Amino acid sequence: MSEGGKPFIALYSTAQVKQPDGTRKTVSKITPTLTPGAVVTLHRSNVDYVVTEYGAVRLKGASVEERASLLISIAHPDFRAQLQEEAEKLNFL
């Protein structure tokens, strides 16, 4: 990182995933948990800002509860209620 720079992660809030029958399904790229076996390459303390087409949030210094709420706020609107419910079940909120 450059001196005085700020780390940003920019991503689309959704992805199109091909189903076994060949159709495509829209899924949220903001999820409450990782897929089993997924590799994490960045520690949460290294992420200052996350940006989607629905906004930008600053995660630096935020608690787990705050981070969950902030990430839900920039998820695709069609997935926010589901993400909120899942975060509550996992005691993130």
PDB file of N, CA and C in Angstrom:
ATOM      1  N   MET A   1       0.851  -1.176   0.000  1.00  0.00           N
ATOM      2  CA  MET A   1       0.000   0.000   0.000  1.00  0.00           C
ATOM      3  C   MET A   1       0.893   1.235   0.000  1.00  0.00           C
ATOM      4  N   SER A   2       0.445   2.251  -0.681  1.00  0.00           N
ATOM      5  CA  SER A   2       1.227   3.480  -0.746  1.00  0.00           C
ATOM      6  C   SER A   2       1.141   4.235   0.576  1.00  0.00           C
ATOM      7  N   GLU A   3       2.164   5.019   0.852  1.00  0.00           N
ATOM      8  CA  GLU A   3       2.187   5.806   2.074  1.00  0.00           C
ATOM      9  C   GLU A   3       0.999   6.761   2.084  1.00  0.00           C
ATOM     10  N   GLY A   4       0.208   6.699   3.148  1.00  0.00           N
ATOM     11  CA  GLY A   4      -0.974   7.544   3.255  1.00  0.00           C
ATOM     12  C   GLY A   4      -2.155   7.045   2.443  1.00  0.00           C
ATOM     13  N   GLY A   5      -1.981   5.912   1.757  1.00  0.00           N
ATOM     14  CA  GLY A   5      -3.067   5.361   0.941  1.00  0.00           C
ATOM     15  C   GLY A   5      -4.155   4.730   1.795  1.00  0.00           C
ATOM     16  N   LYS A   6      -5.278   4.476   1.181  1.00  0.00           N
ATOM     17  CA  LYS A   6      -6.405   3.850   1.864  1.00  0.00           C
ATOM     18  C   LYS A   6      -6.817   2.601   1.089  1.00  0.00           C
ATOM     19  N   PRO A   7      -6.934   1.470   1.792  1.00  0.00           N
ATOM     20  CA  PRO A   7      -7.334   0.247   1.097  1.00  0.00           C
ATOM     21  C   PRO A   7      -8.839   0.205   0.828  1.00  0.00           C
ATOM     22  N   PHE A   8      -9.188   0.021  -0.432  1.00  0.00           N
ATOM     23  CA  PHE A   8     -10.579  -0.113  -0.857  1.00  0.00           C
ATOM     24  C   PHE A   8     -10.769  -1.493  -1.467  1.00  0.00           C
ATOM     25  N   ILE A   9     -11.924  -2.084  -1.227  1.00  0.00           N
ATOM     26  CA  ILE A   9     -12.347  -3.276  -1.954  1.00  0.00           C
ATOM     27  C   ILE A   9     -13.607  -2.875  -2.697  1.00  0.00           C
ATOM     28  N   ALA A  10     -13.585  -3.017  -4.012  1.00  0.00           N
ATOM     29  CA  ALA A  10     -14.746  -2.680  -4.838  1.00  0.00           C
ATOM     30  C   ALA A  10     -15.259  -3.957  -5.494  1.00  0.00           C
ATOM     31  N   LEU A  11     -16.568  -4.167  -5.419  1.00  0.00           N
ATOM     32  CA  LEU A  11     -17.155  -5.364  -5.997  1.00  0.00           C
ATOM     33  C   LEU A  11     -18.590  -5.106  -6.407  1.00  0.00           C
ATOM     34  N   TYR A  12     -19.060  -5.902  -7.357  1.00  0.00           N
ATOM     35  CA  TYR A  12     -20.484  -5.894  -7.679  1.00  0.00           C
ATOM     36  C   TYR A  12     -21.201  -6.586  -6.533  1.00  0.00           C
ATOM     37  N   SER A  13     -22.408  -6.163  -6.234  1.00  0.00           N
ATOM     38  CA  SER A  13     -23.145  -6.741  -5.110  1.00  0.00           C
ATOM     39  C   SER A  13     -23.726  -8.110  -5.425  1.00  0.00           C
ATOM     40  N   THR A  14     -23.854  -8.449  -6.707  1.00  0.00           N
ATOM     41  CA  THR A  14     -24.417  -9.742  -7.092  1.00  0.00           C
ATOM     42  C   THR A  14     -23.565 -10.408  -8.161  1.00  0.00           C
ATOM     43  N   ALA A  15     -23.848 -11.682  -8.363  1.00  0.00           N
ATOM     44  CA  ALA A  15     -23.216 -12.449  -9.439  1.00  0.00           C
ATOM     45  C   ALA A  15     -24.264 -13.374 -10.035  1.00  0.00           C
ATOM     46  N   GLN A  16     -24.047 -13.751 -11.276  1.00  0.00           N
ATOM     47  CA  GLN A  16     -24.904 -14.737 -11.945  1.00  0.00           C
ATOM     48  C   GLN A  16     -24.190 -16.083 -11.859  1.00  0.00           C
ATOM     49  N   VAL A  17     -24.848 -17.062 -11.233  1.00  0.00           N
ATOM     50  CA  VAL A  17     -24.262 -18.385 -11.051  1.00  0.00           C
ATOM     51  C   VAL A  17     -25.023 -19.385 -11.910  1.00  0.00           C
ATOM     52  N   LYS A  18     -24.282 -20.144 -12.680  1.00  0.00           N
ATOM     53  CA  LYS A  18     -24.904 -21.144 -13.550  1.00  0.00           C
ATOM     54  C   LYS A  18     -25.368 -22.331 -12.712  1.00  0.00           C
ATOM     55  N   GLN A  19     -26.615 -22.715 -12.892  1.00  0.00           N
ATOM     56  CA  GLN A  19     -27.213 -23.838 -12.184  1.00  0.00           C
ATOM     57  C   GLN A  19     -26.982 -25.130 -12.980  1.00  0.00           C
ATOM     58  N   PRO A  20     -27.158 -26.295 -12.331  1.00  0.00           N
ATOM     59  CA  PRO A  20     -26.961 -27.571 -13.033  1.00  0.00           C
ATOM     60  C   PRO A  20     -27.821 -27.721 -14.293  1.00  0.00           C
ATOM     61  N   ASP A  21     -29.010 -27.095 -14.294  1.00  0.00           N
ATOM     62  CA  ASP A  21     -29.887 -27.207 -15.470  1.00  0.00           C
ATOM     63  C   ASP A  21     -29.538 -26.201 -16.567  1.00  0.00           C
ATOM     64  N   GLY A  22     -28.483 -25.421 -16.350  1.00  0.00           N
ATOM     65  CA  GLY A  22     -28.042 -24.459 -17.355  1.00  0.00           C
ATOM     66  C   GLY A  22     -28.585 -23.055 -17.175  1.00  0.00           C
ATOM     67  N   THR A  23     -29.594 -22.891 -16.320  1.00  0.00           N
ATOM     68  CA  THR A  23     -30.125 -21.551 -16.063  1.00  0.00           C
ATOM     69  C   THR A  23     -29.161 -20.791 -15.158  1.00  0.00           C
ATOM     70  N   ARG A  24     -29.354 -19.491 -15.099  1.00  0.00           N
ATOM     71  CA  ARG A  24     -28.517 -18.658 -14.237  1.00  0.00           C
ATOM     72  C   ARG A  24     -29.353 -18.100 -13.095  1.00  0.00           C
ATOM     73  N   LYS A  25     -28.727 -18.038 -11.932  1.00  0.00           N
ATOM     74  CA  LYS A  25     -29.389 -17.540 -10.728  1.00  0.00           C
ATOM     75  C   LYS A  25     -28.578 -16.362 -10.196  1.00  0.00           C
ATOM     76  N   THR A  26     -29.274 -15.301  -9.798  1.00  0.00           N
ATOM     77  CA  THR A  26     -28.605 -14.150  -9.201  1.00  0.00           C
ATOM     78  C   THR A  26     -28.382 -14.426  -7.721  1.00  0.00           C
ATOM     79  N   VAL A  27     -27.147 -14.253  -7.261  1.00  0.00           N
ATOM     80  CA  VAL A  27     -26.806 -14.458  -5.855  1.00  0.00           C
ATOM     81  C   VAL A  27     -26.086 -13.219  -5.327  1.00  0.00           C
ATOM     82  N   SER A  28     -26.165 -13.035  -4.020  1.00  0.00           N
ATOM     83  CA  SER A  28     -25.463 -11.929  -3.379  1.00  0.00           C
ATOM     84  C   SER A  28     -23.989 -12.278  -3.225  1.00  0.00           C
ATOM     85  N   LYS A  29     -23.121 -11.329  -3.508  1.00  0.00           N
ATOM     86  CA  LYS A  29     -21.693 -11.522  -3.281  1.00  0.00           C
ATOM     87  C   LYS A  29     -21.315 -11.122  -1.858  1.00  0.00           C
ATOM     88  N   ILE A  30     -22.247 -10.492  -1.155  1.00  0.00           N
ATOM     89  CA  ILE A  30     -22.072 -10.209   0.265  1.00  0.00           C
ATOM     90  C   ILE A  30     -22.820 -11.314   0.997  1.00  0.00           C
ATOM     91  N   THR A  31     -22.088 -12.101   1.766  1.00  0.00           N
ATOM     92  CA  THR A  31     -22.667 -13.264   2.426  1.00  0.00           C
ATOM     93  C   THR A  31     -22.311 -13.261   3.910  1.00  0.00           C
ATOM     94  N   PRO A  32     -23.129 -13.933   4.738  1.00  0.00           N
ATOM     95  CA  PRO A  32     -22.840 -13.953   6.172  1.00  0.00           C
ATOM     96  C   PRO A  32     -21.683 -14.877   6.547  1.00  0.00           C
ATOM     97  N   THR A  33     -21.432 -15.890   5.731  1.00  0.00           N
ATOM     98  CA  THR A  33     -20.347 -16.836   6.001  1.00  0.00           C
ATOM     99  C   THR A  33     -19.654 -17.187   4.687  1.00  0.00           C
ATOM    100  N   LEU A  34     -18.497 -17.792   4.810  1.00  0.00           N
ATOM    101  CA  LEU A  34     -17.769 -18.248   3.634  1.00  0.00           C
ATOM    102  C   LEU A  34     -18.158 -19.683   3.307  1.00  0.00           C
ATOM    103  N   THR A  35     -17.999 -20.052   2.063  1.00  0.00           N
ATOM    104  CA  THR A  35     -18.204 -21.428   1.643  1.00  0.00           C
ATOM    105  C   THR A  35     -17.147 -22.294   2.316  1.00  0.00           C
ATOM    106  N   PRO A  36     -17.522 -23.476   2.830  1.00  0.00           N
ATOM    107  CA  PRO A  36     -16.505 -24.352   3.429  1.00  0.00           C
ATOM    108  C   PRO A  36     -15.340 -24.572   2.466  1.00  0.00           C
ATOM    109  N   GLY A  37     -14.135 -24.416   2.991  1.00  0.00           N
ATOM    110  CA  GLY A  37     -12.939 -24.580   2.177  1.00  0.00           C
ATOM    111  C   GLY A  37     -12.454 -23.303   1.515  1.00  0.00           C
ATOM    112  N   ALA A  38     -13.228 -22.224   1.633  1.00  0.00           N
ATOM    113  CA  ALA A  38     -12.812 -20.950   1.038  1.00  0.00           C
ATOM    114  C   ALA A  38     -11.546 -20.445   1.735  1.00  0.00           C
ATOM    115  N   VAL A  39     -10.687 -19.804   0.980  1.00  0.00           N
ATOM    116  CA  VAL A  39      -9.427 -19.287   1.505  1.00  0.00           C
ATOM    117  C   VAL A  39      -9.562 -17.788   1.743  1.00  0.00           C
ATOM    118  N   VAL A  40      -9.181 -17.345   2.924  1.00  0.00           N
ATOM    119  CA  VAL A  40      -9.191 -15.921   3.256  1.00  0.00           C
ATOM    120  C   VAL A  40      -7.779 -15.393   3.053  1.00  0.00           C
ATOM    121  N   THR A  41      -7.643 -14.355   2.243  1.00  0.00           N
ATOM    122  CA  THR A  41      -6.309 -13.827   1.941  1.00  0.00           C
ATOM    123  C   THR A  41      -6.064 -12.445   2.534  1.00  0.00           C
ATOM    124  N   LEU A  42      -7.050 -11.903   3.215  1.00  0.00           N
ATOM    125  CA  LEU A  42      -6.928 -10.557   3.764  1.00  0.00           C
ATOM    126  C   LEU A  42      -7.554 -10.531   5.149  1.00  0.00           C
ATOM    127  N   HIS A  43      -6.818 -10.059   6.128  1.00  0.00           N
ATOM    128  CA  HIS A  43      -7.338  -9.952   7.487  1.00  0.00           C
ATOM    129  C   HIS A  43      -8.317  -8.789   7.562  1.00  0.00           C
ATOM    130  N   ARG A  44      -9.348  -8.935   8.393  1.00  0.00           N
ATOM    131  CA  ARG A  44     -10.372  -7.887   8.452  1.00  0.00           C
ATOM    132  C   ARG A  44      -9.813  -6.529   8.866  1.00  0.00           C
ATOM    133  N   SER A  45      -8.707  -6.522   9.604  1.00  0.00           N
ATOM    134  CA  SER A  45      -8.130  -5.233  10.003  1.00  0.00           C
ATOM    135  C   SER A  45      -7.452  -4.518   8.834  1.00  0.00           C
ATOM    136  N   ASN A  46      -7.270  -5.211   7.702  1.00  0.00           N
ATOM    137  CA  ASN A  46      -6.667  -4.597   6.517  1.00  0.00           C
ATOM    138  C   ASN A  46      -7.694  -3.990   5.571  1.00  0.00           C
ATOM    139  N   VAL A  47      -8.960  -4.111   5.901  1.00  0.00           N
ATOM    140  CA  VAL A  47     -10.019  -3.604   5.026  1.00  0.00           C
ATOM    141  C   VAL A  47     -10.584  -2.320   5.629  1.00  0.00           C
ATOM    142  N   ASP A  48     -10.333  -1.196   4.976  1.00  0.00           N
ATOM    143  CA  ASP A  48     -10.876   0.080   5.446  1.00  0.00           C
ATOM    144  C   ASP A  48     -12.226   0.380   4.806  1.00  0.00           C
ATOM    145  N   TYR A  49     -12.316   0.242   3.496  1.00  0.00           N
ATOM    146  CA  TYR A  49     -13.532   0.618   2.774  1.00  0.00           C
ATOM    147  C   TYR A  49     -13.977  -0.516   1.858  1.00  0.00           C
ATOM    148  N   VAL A  50     -15.295  -0.700   1.768  1.00  0.00           N
ATOM    149  CA  VAL A  50     -15.882  -1.630   0.801  1.00  0.00           C
ATOM    150  C   VAL A  50     -16.903  -0.841  -0.006  1.00  0.00           C
ATOM    151  N   VAL A  51     -16.854  -1.013  -1.328  1.00  0.00           N
ATOM    152  CA  VAL A  51     -17.709  -0.254  -2.236  1.00  0.00           C
ATOM    153  C   VAL A  51     -18.459  -1.214  -3.149  1.00  0.00           C
ATOM    154  N   THR A  52     -19.779  -1.004  -3.282  1.00  0.00           N
ATOM    155  CA  THR A  52     -20.579  -1.688  -4.300  1.00  0.00           C
ATOM    156  C   THR A  52     -21.337  -0.607  -5.058  1.00  0.00           C
ATOM    157  N   GLU A  53     -22.141  -1.022  -6.017  1.00  0.00           N
ATOM    158  CA  GLU A  53     -22.947  -0.049  -6.747  1.00  0.00           C
ATOM    159  C   GLU A  53     -24.035   0.573  -5.870  1.00  0.00           C
ATOM    160  N   TYR A  54     -24.186   0.082  -4.621  1.00  0.00           N
ATOM    161  CA  TYR A  54     -25.196   0.620  -3.706  1.00  0.00           C
ATOM    162  C   TYR A  54     -24.602   1.484  -2.605  1.00  0.00           C
ATOM    163  N   GLY A  55     -23.309   1.760  -2.684  1.00  0.00           N
ATOM    164  CA  GLY A  55     -22.719   2.665  -1.716  1.00  0.00           C
ATOM    165  C   GLY A  55     -21.326   2.243  -1.292  1.00  0.00           C
ATOM    166  N   ALA A  56     -20.773   3.013  -0.376  1.00  0.00           N
ATOM    167  CA  ALA A  56     -19.446   2.758   0.179  1.00  0.00           C
ATOM    168  C   ALA A  56     -19.540   2.862   1.690  1.00  0.00           C
ATOM    169  N   VAL A  57     -18.845   1.958   2.384  1.00  0.00           N
ATOM    170  CA  VAL A  57     -18.840   1.988   3.845  1.00  0.00           C
ATOM    171  C   VAL A  57     -17.408   1.892   4.348  1.00  0.00           C
ATOM    172  N   ARG A  58     -17.175   2.495   5.493  1.00  0.00           N
ATOM    173  CA  ARG A  58     -15.865   2.402   6.135  1.00  0.00           C
ATOM    174  C   ARG A  58     -15.976   1.384   7.267  1.00  0.00           C
ATOM    175  N   LEU A  59     -15.188   0.322   7.176  1.00  0.00           N
ATOM    176  CA  LEU A  59     -15.229  -0.745   8.166  1.00  0.00           C
ATOM    177  C   LEU A  59     -14.144  -0.621   9.225  1.00  0.00           C
ATOM    178  N   LYS A  60     -13.125   0.182   8.956  1.00  0.00           N
ATOM    179  CA  LYS A  60     -12.003   0.304   9.890  1.00  0.00           C
ATOM    180  C   LYS A  60     -12.504   0.711  11.271  1.00  0.00           C
ATOM    181  N   GLY A  61     -12.121  -0.076  12.267  1.00  0.00           N
ATOM    182  CA  GLY A  61     -12.472   0.225  13.644  1.00  0.00           C
ATOM    183  C   GLY A  61     -13.874  -0.188  14.055  1.00  0.00           C
ATOM    184  N   ALA A  62     -14.656  -0.747  13.134  1.00  0.00           N
ATOM    185  CA  ALA A  62     -16.037  -1.131  13.441  1.00  0.00           C
ATOM    186  C   ALA A  62     -16.071  -2.495  14.129  1.00  0.00           C
ATOM    187  N   SER A  63     -17.036  -2.665  15.018  1.00  0.00           N
ATOM    188  CA  SER A  63     -17.247  -3.952  15.683  1.00  0.00           C
ATOM    189  C   SER A  63     -17.844  -4.940  14.684  1.00  0.00           C
ATOM    190  N   VAL A  64     -17.926  -6.203  15.061  1.00  0.00           N
ATOM    191  CA  VAL A  64     -18.532  -7.214  14.190  1.00  0.00           C
ATOM    192  C   VAL A  64     -19.973  -6.827  13.874  1.00  0.00           C
ATOM    193  N   GLU A  65     -20.723  -6.393  14.875  1.00  0.00           N
ATOM    194  CA  GLU A  65     -22.116  -5.978  14.666  1.00  0.00           C
ATOM    195  C   GLU A  65     -22.196  -4.799  13.694  1.00  0.00           C
ATOM    196  N   GLU A  66     -21.341  -3.817  13.890  1.00  0.00           N
ATOM    197  CA  GLU A  66     -21.334  -2.649  13.000  1.00  0.00           C
ATOM    198  C   GLU A  66     -20.933  -3.039  11.579  1.00  0.00           C
ATOM    199  N   ARG A  67     -19.937  -3.912  11.461  1.00  0.00           N
ATOM    200  CA  ARG A  67     -19.474  -4.348  10.141  1.00  0.00           C
ATOM    201  C   ARG A  67     -20.589  -5.068   9.398  1.00  0.00           C
ATOM    202  N   ALA A  68     -21.303  -5.953  10.112  1.00  0.00           N
ATOM    203  CA  ALA A  68     -22.410  -6.686   9.488  1.00  0.00           C
ATOM    204  C   ALA A  68     -23.468  -5.713   8.983  1.00  0.00           C
ATOM    205  N   SER A  69     -23.866  -4.768   9.810  1.00  0.00           N
ATOM    206  CA  SER A  69     -24.887  -3.787   9.412  1.00  0.00           C
ATOM    207  C   SER A  69     -24.424  -2.943   8.229  1.00  0.00           C
ATOM    208  N   LEU A  70     -23.179  -2.524   8.264  1.00  0.00           N
ATOM    209  CA  LEU A  70     -22.649  -1.702   7.172  1.00  0.00           C
ATOM    210  C   LEU A  70     -22.610  -2.472   5.857  1.00  0.00           C
ATOM    211  N   LEU A  71     -22.165  -3.719   5.909  1.00  0.00           N
ATOM    212  CA  LEU A  71     -22.108  -4.519   4.680  1.00  0.00           C
ATOM    213  C   LEU A  71     -23.502  -4.810   4.137  1.00  0.00           C
ATOM    214  N   ILE A  72     -24.454  -5.080   5.021  1.00  0.00           N
ATOM    215  CA  ILE A  72     -25.835  -5.300   4.579  1.00  0.00           C
ATOM    216  C   ILE A  72     -26.361  -4.048   3.883  1.00  0.00           C
ATOM    217  N   SER A  73     -25.962  -2.883   4.367  1.00  0.00           N
ATOM    218  CA  SER A  73     -26.466  -1.627   3.798  1.00  0.00           C
ATOM    219  C   SER A  73     -26.012  -1.394   2.358  1.00  0.00           C
ATOM    220  N   ILE A  74     -24.932  -2.047   1.929  1.00  0.00           N
ATOM    221  CA  ILE A  74     -24.459  -1.876   0.547  1.00  0.00           C
ATOM    222  C   ILE A  74     -24.684  -3.124  -0.303  1.00  0.00           C
ATOM    223  N   ALA A  75     -25.420  -4.087   0.254  1.00  0.00           N
ATOM    224  CA  ALA A  75     -25.800  -5.273  -0.520  1.00  0.00           C
ATOM    225  C   ALA A  75     -26.937  -4.904  -1.463  1.00  0.00           C
ATOM    226  N   HIS A  76     -27.187  -5.749  -2.453  1.00  0.00           N
ATOM    227  CA  HIS A  76     -28.322  -5.533  -3.359  1.00  0.00           C
ATOM    228  C   HIS A  76     -29.595  -5.520  -2.519  1.00  0.00           C
ATOM    229  N   PRO A  77     -30.506  -4.579  -2.755  1.00  0.00           N
ATOM    230  CA  PRO A  77     -31.736  -4.472  -1.955  1.00  0.00           C
ATOM    231  C   PRO A  77     -32.552  -5.768  -1.883  1.00  0.00           C
ATOM    232  N   ASP A  78     -32.526  -6.581  -2.925  1.00  0.00           N
ATOM    233  CA  ASP A  78     -33.286  -7.833  -2.919  1.00  0.00           C
ATOM    234  C   ASP A  78     -32.766  -8.837  -1.900  1.00  0.00           C
ATOM    235  N   PHE A  79     -31.539  -8.654  -1.413  1.00  0.00           N
ATOM    236  CA  PHE A  79     -30.934  -9.621  -0.497  1.00  0.00           C
ATOM    237  C   PHE A  79     -30.781  -9.095   0.931  1.00  0.00           C
ATOM    238  N   ARG A  80     -31.089  -7.843   1.167  1.00  0.00           N
ATOM    239  CA  ARG A  80     -30.832  -7.252   2.485  1.00  0.00           C
ATOM    240  C   ARG A  80     -31.618  -7.907   3.612  1.00  0.00           C
ATOM    241  N   ALA A  81     -32.902  -8.181   3.404  1.00  0.00           N
ATOM    242  CA  ALA A  81     -33.717  -8.798   4.463  1.00  0.00           C
ATOM    243  C   ALA A  81     -33.174 -10.181   4.816  1.00  0.00           C
ATOM    244  N   GLN A  82     -32.813 -10.949   3.810  1.00  0.00           N
ATOM    245  CA  GLN A  82     -32.266 -12.288   4.039  1.00  0.00           C
ATOM    246  C   GLN A  82     -30.925 -12.197   4.778  1.00  0.00           C
ATOM    247  N   LEU A  83     -30.070 -11.280   4.380  1.00  0.00           N
ATOM    248  CA  LEU A  83     -28.783 -11.107   5.049  1.00  0.00           C
ATOM    249  C   LEU A  83     -28.975 -10.672   6.499  1.00  0.00           C
ATOM    250  N   GLN A  84     -29.936  -9.793   6.735  1.00  0.00           N
ATOM    251  CA  GLN A  84     -30.242  -9.339   8.092  1.00  0.00           C
ATOM    252  C   GLN A  84     -30.672 -10.528   8.957  1.00  0.00           C
ATOM    253  N   GLU A  85     -31.573 -11.342   8.424  1.00  0.00           N
ATOM    254  CA  GLU A  85     -32.078 -12.507   9.152  1.00  0.00           C
ATOM    255  C   GLU A  85     -30.946 -13.490   9.461  1.00  0.00           C
ATOM    256  N   GLU A  86     -30.115 -13.769   8.486  1.00  0.00           N
ATOM    257  CA  GLU A  86     -29.008 -14.701   8.686  1.00  0.00           C
ATOM    258  C   GLU A  86     -27.989 -14.148   9.684  1.00  0.00           C
ATOM    259  N   ALA A  87     -27.724 -12.855   9.632  1.00  0.00           N
ATOM    260  CA  ALA A  87     -26.789 -12.234  10.574  1.00  0.00           C
ATOM    261  C   ALA A  87     -27.321 -12.313  11.999  1.00  0.00           C
ATOM    262  N   GLU A  88     -28.622 -12.156  12.155  1.00  0.00           N
ATOM    263  CA  GLU A  88     -29.226 -12.275  13.483  1.00  0.00           C
ATOM    264  C   GLU A  88     -29.124 -13.707  14.002  1.00  0.00           C
ATOM    265  N   LYS A  89     -29.374 -14.694  13.139  1.00  0.00           N
ATOM    266  CA  LYS A  89     -29.263 -16.103  13.537  1.00  0.00           C
ATOM    267  C   LYS A  89     -27.845 -16.453  13.973  1.00  0.00           C
ATOM    268  N   LEU A  90     -26.860 -15.834  13.345  1.00  0.00           N
ATOM    269  CA  LEU A  90     -25.453 -16.089  13.672  1.00  0.00           C
ATOM    270  C   LEU A  90     -24.954 -15.214  14.826  1.00  0.00           C
ATOM    271  N   ASN A  91     -25.849 -14.425  15.408  1.00  0.00           N
ATOM    272  CA  ASN A  91     -25.519 -13.506  16.508  1.00  0.00           C
ATOM    273  C   ASN A  91     -24.492 -12.452  16.113  1.00  0.00           C
ATOM    274  N   PHE A  92     -24.484 -12.095  14.829  1.00  0.00           N
ATOM    275  CA  PHE A  92     -23.661 -10.967  14.388  1.00  0.00           C
ATOM    276  C   PHE A  92     -24.364  -9.656  14.716  1.00  0.00           C
ATOM    277  N   LEU A  93     -25.689  -9.712  14.813  1.00  0.00           N
ATOM    278  CA  LEU A  93     -26.502  -8.527  15.116  1.00  0.00           C
ATOM    279  C   LEU A  93     -27.308  -8.777  16.370  1.00  0.00           C
TER     280      LEU A  93
END
